[in-house]
Amino acid sequence: MVGIILVTHVTLGEALISCAHHIMGRPLDNLAQLAVSKADDPDEILGRARAMIAELDDGSGVLLLTDIYGGTPSNVANRLIEPGKVEAVAGVNLPMLVRALTYSHQSLEVVVSKAITGGLEGVLYILPPIE
């Protein structure tokens, strides 16, 4: 099963995991989060991230989901990419995470694709009700 690590600013990953657990209604053993603060030592964060990758990778690979492209969390994720083994997607939102978890039993390539489409399709303009 593809491992998924949320590499996000401070507590965003923790909140997304809590929401995903509520929606999925099952244990999410292949999911972890790494909170990153601008005060953190980048080398220490990279070491923790590598340990998390090693723990979650059962041979299927790991997907890193990060929040804002160009921010510290995405810069950390970028340094961890190993094509075909560790991939990264920026712009994480709840629909993206739920979609990635739903398809995490498939290949890393499929999970990356499903995460991106889930994230994009989850952003909608809500029209007011017609009265």
C-alpha atoms as a PDB file:
ATOM      1  CA  MET A   1       0.000   0.000   0.000  1.00  0.00           C
ATOM      2  CA  VAL A   2       1.331   3.449  -0.902  1.00  0.00           C
ATOM      3  CA  GLY A   3       2.370   5.444   2.151  1.00  0.00           C
ATOM      4  CA  ILE A   4       1.166   9.031   2.398  1.00  0.00           C
ATOM      5  CA  ILE A   5       2.931  11.739   4.384  1.00  0.00           C
ATOM      6  CA  LEU A   6       1.487  15.207   4.844  1.00  0.00           C
ATOM      7  CA  VAL A   7       4.368  17.698   4.968  1.00  0.00           C
ATOM      8  CA  THR A   8       2.630  20.901   6.001  1.00  0.00           C
ATOM      9  CA  HIS A   9       2.911  24.113   7.924  1.00  0.00           C
ATOM     10  CA  VAL A  10       2.503  23.539  11.654  1.00  0.00           C
ATOM     11  CA  THR A  11      -0.797  21.733  12.465  1.00  0.00           C
ATOM     12  CA  LEU A  12      -2.484  21.623   9.056  1.00  0.00           C
ATOM     13  CA  GLY A  13      -1.492  17.992   8.487  1.00  0.00           C
ATOM     14  CA  GLU A  14      -2.828  16.952  11.878  1.00  0.00           C
ATOM     15  CA  ALA A  15      -6.187  18.591  11.131  1.00  0.00           C
ATOM     16  CA  LEU A  16      -6.405  16.963   7.687  1.00  0.00           C
ATOM     17  CA  ILE A  17      -5.667  13.539   9.183  1.00  0.00           C
ATOM     18  CA  SER A  18      -8.380  14.016  11.792  1.00  0.00           C
ATOM     19  CA  CYS A  19     -10.910  14.964   9.099  1.00  0.00           C
ATOM     20  CA  ALA A  20      -9.838  12.114   6.793  1.00  0.00           C
ATOM     21  CA  HIS A  21     -10.186   9.615   9.635  1.00  0.00           C
ATOM     22  CA  HIS A  22     -13.686  10.931  10.326  1.00  0.00           C
ATOM     23  CA  ILE A  23     -14.674  10.616   6.651  1.00  0.00           C
ATOM     24  CA  MET A  24     -12.995   7.274   5.935  1.00  0.00           C
ATOM     25  CA  GLY A  25     -14.157   5.673   9.185  1.00  0.00           C
ATOM     26  CA  ARG A  26     -11.249   3.230   9.315  1.00  0.00           C
ATOM     27  CA  PRO A  27      -7.666   3.104  10.574  1.00  0.00           C
ATOM     28  CA  LEU A  28      -5.270   5.021   8.329  1.00  0.00           C
ATOM     29  CA  ASP A  29      -2.098   3.067   9.004  1.00  0.00           C
ATOM     30  CA  ASN A  30      -0.408   4.236   5.802  1.00  0.00           C
ATOM     31  CA  LEU A  31      -0.801   7.935   6.694  1.00  0.00           C
ATOM     32  CA  ALA A  32       1.488  10.211   8.721  1.00  0.00           C
ATOM     33  CA  GLN A  33       2.173  13.901   9.036  1.00  0.00           C
ATOM     34  CA  LEU A  34       5.262  16.033   9.434  1.00  0.00           C
ATOM     35  CA  ALA A  35       4.646  19.498  10.858  1.00  0.00           C
ATOM     36  CA  VAL A  36       7.143  22.076   9.620  1.00  0.00           C
ATOM     37  CA  SER A  37       7.801  25.483  11.116  1.00  0.00           C
ATOM     38  CA  LYS A  38      10.073  28.182   9.749  1.00  0.00           C
ATOM     39  CA  ALA A  39      12.016  27.925  13.013  1.00  0.00           C
ATOM     40  CA  ASP A  40      12.882  24.240  12.386  1.00  0.00           C
ATOM     41  CA  ASP A  41      16.350  23.096  11.386  1.00  0.00           C
ATOM     42  CA  PRO A  42      15.980  21.885   7.765  1.00  0.00           C
ATOM     43  CA  ASP A  43      18.492  19.052   8.230  1.00  0.00           C
ATOM     44  CA  GLU A  44      16.621  17.782  11.296  1.00  0.00           C
ATOM     45  CA  ILE A  45      13.317  17.923   9.398  1.00  0.00           C
ATOM     46  CA  LEU A  46      14.844  16.024   6.468  1.00  0.00           C
ATOM     47  CA  GLY A  47      16.100  13.329   8.832  1.00  0.00           C
ATOM     48  CA  ARG A  48      12.673  12.936  10.409  1.00  0.00           C
ATOM     49  CA  ALA A  49      11.048  12.831   6.977  1.00  0.00           C
ATOM     50  CA  ARG A  50      13.441  10.148   5.732  1.00  0.00           C
ATOM     51  CA  ALA A  51      12.684   8.046   8.821  1.00  0.00           C
ATOM     52  CA  MET A  52       8.949   8.403   8.185  1.00  0.00           C
ATOM     53  CA  ILE A  53       9.395   7.399   4.541  1.00  0.00           C
ATOM     54  CA  ALA A  54      11.375   4.307   5.572  1.00  0.00           C
ATOM     55  CA  GLU A  55       8.670   3.378   8.079  1.00  0.00           C
ATOM     56  CA  LEU A  56       5.733   3.786   5.663  1.00  0.00           C
ATOM     57  CA  ASP A  57       7.283   2.375   2.497  1.00  0.00           C
ATOM     58  CA  ASP A  58       6.337  -1.287   2.131  1.00  0.00           C
ATOM     59  CA  GLY A  59       7.842  -1.316  -1.358  1.00  0.00           C
ATOM     60  CA  SER A  60       4.860   0.441  -2.956  1.00  0.00           C
ATOM     61  CA  GLY A  61       6.335   3.922  -2.584  1.00  0.00           C
ATOM     62  CA  VAL A  62       5.391   7.046  -0.683  1.00  0.00           C
ATOM     63  CA  LEU A  63       3.429  10.119  -1.712  1.00  0.00           C
ATOM     64  CA  LEU A  64       4.282  13.407  -0.014  1.00  0.00           C
ATOM     65  CA  LEU A  65       1.400  15.879   0.060  1.00  0.00           C
ATOM     66  CA  THR A  66       2.370  19.430   0.907  1.00  0.00           C
ATOM     67  CA  ASP A  67       0.459  22.665   1.214  1.00  0.00           C
ATOM     68  CA  ILE A  68       1.845  25.755  -0.554  1.00  0.00           C
ATOM     69  CA  TYR A  69       4.292  25.244  -3.413  1.00  0.00           C
ATOM     70  CA  GLY A  70       7.479  27.166  -2.659  1.00  0.00           C
ATOM     71  CA  GLY A  71       6.943  27.191   1.101  1.00  0.00           C
ATOM     72  CA  THR A  72       9.246  25.467   3.556  1.00  0.00           C
ATOM     73  CA  PRO A  73       7.195  22.217   3.634  1.00  0.00           C
ATOM     74  CA  SER A  74       7.227  21.895  -0.168  1.00  0.00           C
ATOM     75  CA  ASN A  75      10.942  22.689  -0.248  1.00  0.00           C
ATOM     76  CA  VAL A  76      11.510  19.849   2.221  1.00  0.00           C
ATOM     77  CA  ALA A  77       9.333  17.522   0.122  1.00  0.00           C
ATOM     78  CA  ASN A  78      11.194  18.517  -3.027  1.00  0.00           C
ATOM     79  CA  ARG A  79      14.492  17.366  -1.500  1.00  0.00           C
ATOM     80  CA  LEU A  80      12.979  13.931  -0.767  1.00  0.00           C
ATOM     81  CA  ILE A  81      11.681  13.081  -4.246  1.00  0.00           C
ATOM     82  CA  GLU A  82      12.965   9.839  -5.760  1.00  0.00           C
ATOM     83  CA  PRO A  83      11.045   9.341  -9.028  1.00  0.00           C
ATOM     84  CA  GLY A  84       8.958   6.176  -8.914  1.00  0.00           C
ATOM     85  CA  LYS A  85       9.614   5.702  -5.195  1.00  0.00           C
ATOM     86  CA  VAL A  86       8.895   9.001  -3.430  1.00  0.00           C
ATOM     87  CA  GLU A  87       6.697  11.509  -5.255  1.00  0.00           C
ATOM     88  CA  ALA A  88       5.315  14.888  -4.127  1.00  0.00           C
ATOM     89  CA  VAL A  89       2.210  16.952  -4.868  1.00  0.00           C
ATOM     90  CA  ALA A  90       1.611  20.503  -3.609  1.00  0.00           C
ATOM     91  CA  GLY A  91      -1.747  22.100  -2.814  1.00  0.00           C
ATOM     92  CA  VAL A  92      -3.090  19.470  -0.439  1.00  0.00           C
ATOM     93  CA  ASN A  93      -6.748  19.725   0.481  1.00  0.00           C
ATOM     94  CA  LEU A  94      -9.192  17.282   2.048  1.00  0.00           C
ATOM     95  CA  PRO A  95     -10.638  15.977  -1.242  1.00  0.00           C
ATOM     96  CA  MET A  96      -7.074  15.291  -2.467  1.00  0.00           C
ATOM     97  CA  LEU A  97      -6.198  13.391   0.689  1.00  0.00           C
ATOM     98  CA  VAL A  98      -9.393  11.312   0.712  1.00  0.00           C
ATOM     99  CA  ARG A  99      -8.901  10.402  -2.956  1.00  0.00           C
ATOM    100  CA  ALA A 100      -5.260   9.422  -2.363  1.00  0.00           C
ATOM    101  CA  LEU A 101      -6.256   7.256   0.598  1.00  0.00           C
ATOM    102  CA  THR A 102      -9.097   5.643  -1.359  1.00  0.00           C
ATOM    103  CA  TYR A 103      -6.711   4.530  -4.114  1.00  0.00           C
ATOM    104  CA  SER A 104      -3.614   3.892  -1.960  1.00  0.00           C
ATOM    105  CA  HIS A 105      -3.838   0.144  -2.650  1.00  0.00           C
ATOM    106  CA  GLN A 106      -2.957   0.875  -6.302  1.00  0.00           C
ATOM    107  CA  SER A 107       0.405   1.902  -7.785  1.00  0.00           C
ATOM    108  CA  LEU A 108       2.194   5.084  -6.758  1.00  0.00           C
ATOM    109  CA  GLU A 109       1.618   6.487 -10.255  1.00  0.00           C
ATOM    110  CA  VAL A 110      -2.150   5.959  -9.931  1.00  0.00           C
ATOM    111  CA  VAL A 111      -2.246   7.436  -6.419  1.00  0.00           C
ATOM    112  CA  VAL A 112      -0.433  10.578  -7.628  1.00  0.00           C
ATOM    113  CA  SER A 113      -2.918  10.969 -10.491  1.00  0.00           C
ATOM    114  CA  LYS A 114      -5.955  10.364  -8.272  1.00  0.00           C
ATOM    115  CA  ALA A 115      -4.657  12.805  -5.641  1.00  0.00           C
ATOM    116  CA  ILE A 116      -4.265  15.568  -8.229  1.00  0.00           C
ATOM    117  CA  THR A 117      -7.683  15.013  -9.822  1.00  0.00           C
ATOM    118  CA  GLY A 118      -9.315  14.754  -6.395  1.00  0.00           C
ATOM    119  CA  GLY A 119      -7.764  18.042  -5.344  1.00  0.00           C
ATOM    120  CA  LEU A 120      -8.803  19.815  -8.536  1.00  0.00           C
ATOM    121  CA  GLU A 121     -12.320  18.402  -8.595  1.00  0.00           C
ATOM    122  CA  GLY A 122     -12.787  19.322  -4.940  1.00  0.00           C
ATOM    123  CA  VAL A 123     -12.491  23.049  -5.656  1.00  0.00           C
ATOM    124  CA  LEU A 124     -15.874  24.392  -6.739  1.00  0.00           C
ATOM    125  CA  TYR A 125     -17.696  27.697  -6.729  1.00  0.00           C
ATOM    126  CA  ILE A 126     -20.902  27.207  -4.744  1.00  0.00           C
ATOM    127  CA  LEU A 127     -23.898  29.009  -6.194  1.00  0.00           C
ATOM    128  CA  PRO A 128     -26.605  30.256  -3.868  1.00  0.00           C
ATOM    129  CA  PRO A 129     -29.846  28.255  -3.859  1.00  0.00           C
ATOM    130  CA  ILE A 130     -32.499  29.329  -6.340  1.00  0.00           C
ATOM    131  CA  GLU A 131     -35.552  30.598  -4.530  1.00  0.00           C
END
